N, C-alpha and C. Protein backbone atom coordinates (compact mmCIF):
# COMPACT_ATOMS: atom_id res chain seq x y z
N MET A 1 67.65 -8.54 -49.10
CA MET A 1 66.29 -8.87 -48.80
C MET A 1 65.36 -8.03 -49.66
N THR A 2 64.87 -8.61 -50.72
CA THR A 2 63.91 -7.95 -51.58
C THR A 2 62.51 -8.13 -51.00
N LYS A 3 61.74 -7.09 -51.01
CA LYS A 3 60.38 -7.17 -50.47
C LYS A 3 59.58 -8.20 -51.26
N ASN A 4 58.88 -9.08 -50.56
CA ASN A 4 58.05 -10.07 -51.23
C ASN A 4 56.64 -10.15 -50.65
N ILE A 5 56.25 -9.12 -49.90
CA ILE A 5 54.91 -9.06 -49.31
C ILE A 5 54.24 -7.78 -49.79
N GLY A 6 53.02 -7.92 -50.32
CA GLY A 6 52.27 -6.77 -50.81
C GLY A 6 51.76 -5.90 -49.67
N ASN A 7 51.31 -4.70 -50.01
CA ASN A 7 50.89 -3.72 -49.01
C ASN A 7 49.70 -4.20 -48.18
N MET A 8 48.68 -4.76 -48.82
CA MET A 8 47.50 -5.21 -48.08
C MET A 8 47.88 -6.34 -47.12
N GLU A 9 48.71 -7.26 -47.56
CA GLU A 9 49.14 -8.36 -46.70
C GLU A 9 49.99 -7.84 -45.54
N ARG A 10 50.79 -6.83 -45.80
CA ARG A 10 51.60 -6.24 -44.74
C ARG A 10 50.72 -5.65 -43.65
N VAL A 11 49.68 -4.94 -44.05
CA VAL A 11 48.76 -4.33 -43.09
C VAL A 11 48.07 -5.41 -42.27
N LEU A 12 47.62 -6.48 -42.93
CA LEU A 12 46.96 -7.57 -42.22
C LEU A 12 47.90 -8.27 -41.25
N ARG A 13 49.14 -8.47 -41.64
CA ARG A 13 50.12 -9.10 -40.76
C ARG A 13 50.39 -8.24 -39.53
N ILE A 14 50.49 -6.93 -39.73
CA ILE A 14 50.73 -6.03 -38.60
C ILE A 14 49.54 -6.05 -37.64
N ILE A 15 48.32 -6.02 -38.18
CA ILE A 15 47.12 -6.05 -37.33
C ILE A 15 47.05 -7.36 -36.55
N VAL A 16 47.28 -8.48 -37.22
CA VAL A 16 47.23 -9.78 -36.54
C VAL A 16 48.32 -9.87 -35.48
N GLY A 17 49.52 -9.42 -35.81
CA GLY A 17 50.62 -9.46 -34.85
C GLY A 17 50.33 -8.62 -33.62
N LEU A 18 49.83 -7.42 -33.82
CA LEU A 18 49.50 -6.55 -32.69
C LEU A 18 48.36 -7.13 -31.85
N ALA A 19 47.38 -7.74 -32.51
CA ALA A 19 46.26 -8.34 -31.79
C ALA A 19 46.74 -9.50 -30.92
N LEU A 20 47.62 -10.33 -31.45
CA LEU A 20 48.13 -11.45 -30.67
C LEU A 20 48.96 -10.98 -29.48
N ILE A 21 49.79 -9.99 -29.70
CA ILE A 21 50.61 -9.46 -28.61
C ILE A 21 49.71 -8.81 -27.55
N ALA A 22 48.68 -8.10 -27.99
CA ALA A 22 47.73 -7.50 -27.03
C ALA A 22 47.01 -8.59 -26.25
N GLY A 23 46.70 -9.71 -26.90
CA GLY A 23 46.07 -10.83 -26.22
C GLY A 23 46.93 -11.37 -25.11
N TYR A 24 48.23 -11.33 -25.27
CA TYR A 24 49.13 -11.78 -24.21
C TYR A 24 48.98 -10.91 -22.97
N PHE A 25 48.88 -9.61 -23.16
CA PHE A 25 48.78 -8.71 -22.01
C PHE A 25 47.39 -8.74 -21.38
N VAL A 26 46.37 -9.06 -22.17
CA VAL A 26 45.02 -9.15 -21.63
C VAL A 26 44.83 -10.47 -20.88
N ASN A 27 45.38 -11.56 -21.43
CA ASN A 27 45.20 -12.89 -20.84
C ASN A 27 46.56 -13.51 -20.57
N GLY A 28 47.38 -12.84 -19.81
CA GLY A 28 48.75 -13.28 -19.58
C GLY A 28 48.90 -14.40 -18.57
N ASP A 29 47.86 -14.73 -17.84
CA ASP A 29 47.99 -15.76 -16.81
C ASP A 29 47.45 -17.12 -17.24
N GLY A 30 47.07 -17.27 -18.52
CA GLY A 30 46.56 -18.54 -19.00
C GLY A 30 47.67 -19.57 -19.17
N ALA A 31 47.28 -20.82 -19.34
CA ALA A 31 48.25 -21.91 -19.43
C ALA A 31 49.12 -21.80 -20.69
N TYR A 32 48.52 -21.42 -21.78
CA TYR A 32 49.26 -21.32 -23.04
C TYR A 32 49.36 -19.87 -23.52
N SER A 33 49.41 -18.95 -22.60
CA SER A 33 49.44 -17.53 -22.96
C SER A 33 50.71 -17.16 -23.71
N TRP A 34 51.77 -17.94 -23.55
CA TRP A 34 53.01 -17.63 -24.26
C TRP A 34 52.84 -17.77 -25.77
N LEU A 35 51.82 -18.49 -26.22
CA LEU A 35 51.59 -18.62 -27.66
C LEU A 35 51.21 -17.29 -28.29
N TYR A 36 50.64 -16.39 -27.49
CA TYR A 36 50.31 -15.06 -28.02
C TYR A 36 51.57 -14.34 -28.48
N LEU A 37 52.69 -14.64 -27.88
CA LEU A 37 53.94 -13.97 -28.26
C LEU A 37 54.41 -14.36 -29.66
N LEU A 38 53.82 -15.38 -30.24
CA LEU A 38 54.12 -15.72 -31.63
C LEU A 38 53.65 -14.61 -32.57
N GLY A 39 52.88 -13.68 -32.06
CA GLY A 39 52.47 -12.52 -32.84
C GLY A 39 53.63 -11.65 -33.26
N ILE A 40 54.79 -11.85 -32.64
CA ILE A 40 55.99 -11.11 -33.03
C ILE A 40 56.38 -11.45 -34.47
N ILE A 41 56.13 -12.68 -34.88
CA ILE A 41 56.53 -13.12 -36.23
C ILE A 41 55.74 -12.37 -37.31
N PRO A 42 54.39 -12.40 -37.30
CA PRO A 42 53.70 -11.64 -38.35
C PRO A 42 53.93 -10.14 -38.24
N LEU A 43 54.12 -9.64 -37.02
CA LEU A 43 54.39 -8.21 -36.85
C LEU A 43 55.72 -7.84 -37.51
N ALA A 44 56.75 -8.63 -37.25
CA ALA A 44 58.07 -8.34 -37.81
C ALA A 44 58.07 -8.47 -39.33
N THR A 45 57.45 -9.53 -39.87
CA THR A 45 57.44 -9.69 -41.32
C THR A 45 56.60 -8.61 -41.99
N GLY A 46 55.55 -8.16 -41.31
CA GLY A 46 54.74 -7.08 -41.87
C GLY A 46 55.48 -5.76 -41.90
N VAL A 47 56.23 -5.47 -40.85
CA VAL A 47 56.98 -4.22 -40.78
C VAL A 47 58.14 -4.23 -41.79
N ILE A 48 58.83 -5.35 -41.87
CA ILE A 48 59.99 -5.44 -42.77
C ILE A 48 59.54 -5.57 -44.23
N GLY A 49 58.46 -6.30 -44.47
CA GLY A 49 57.98 -6.50 -45.84
C GLY A 49 58.63 -7.69 -46.52
N TRP A 50 59.27 -8.54 -45.76
CA TRP A 50 59.97 -9.70 -46.32
C TRP A 50 59.67 -10.92 -45.47
N CYS A 51 59.30 -12.01 -46.11
CA CYS A 51 58.96 -13.24 -45.41
C CYS A 51 59.89 -14.35 -45.88
N PRO A 52 60.72 -14.91 -44.98
CA PRO A 52 61.66 -15.97 -45.37
C PRO A 52 61.01 -17.19 -46.01
N PRO A 53 59.88 -17.72 -45.49
CA PRO A 53 59.27 -18.87 -46.18
C PRO A 53 58.80 -18.53 -47.59
N TYR A 54 58.32 -17.32 -47.79
CA TYR A 54 57.94 -16.90 -49.14
C TYR A 54 59.16 -16.93 -50.06
N GLN A 55 60.30 -16.50 -49.55
CA GLN A 55 61.53 -16.50 -50.33
C GLN A 55 61.90 -17.92 -50.75
N LEU A 56 61.81 -18.86 -49.81
CA LEU A 56 62.16 -20.25 -50.10
C LEU A 56 61.20 -20.89 -51.09
N LEU A 57 59.92 -20.53 -51.01
CA LEU A 57 58.91 -21.13 -51.88
C LEU A 57 58.73 -20.36 -53.19
N GLY A 58 59.38 -19.22 -53.34
CA GLY A 58 59.28 -18.43 -54.57
C GLY A 58 57.98 -17.66 -54.69
N ILE A 59 57.35 -17.35 -53.57
CA ILE A 59 56.09 -16.61 -53.57
C ILE A 59 56.39 -15.12 -53.45
N ASN A 60 55.69 -14.31 -54.23
CA ASN A 60 55.87 -12.87 -54.18
C ASN A 60 54.51 -12.22 -54.37
N THR A 61 53.97 -11.58 -53.32
CA THR A 61 52.70 -10.90 -53.41
C THR A 61 52.87 -9.39 -53.59
N CYS A 62 54.09 -8.94 -53.68
CA CYS A 62 54.39 -7.52 -53.87
C CYS A 62 54.27 -7.20 -55.34
N LYS A 63 53.45 -6.19 -55.67
CA LYS A 63 53.22 -5.86 -57.08
C LYS A 63 54.35 -5.06 -57.70
N THR A 64 55.08 -4.28 -56.90
CA THR A 64 56.16 -3.47 -57.45
C THR A 64 57.38 -4.34 -57.69
N LYS A 65 58.08 -4.06 -58.73
CA LYS A 65 59.28 -4.83 -59.07
C LYS A 65 60.52 -4.12 -58.63
């Protein structure tokens, strides 16, 4: 797994993921509150630095080789 996500995008993914997960705990009794748990995906890809769809599409936002 070669890193294919740049640093700024990683930070944004982590922030969005944490915000969505926090939204689940703030509004956990809503009808579609389980959708907040999808924040696990951007959080995980931001922490790991690798995005499977980017790999399939040949996208690389990481500047280091």
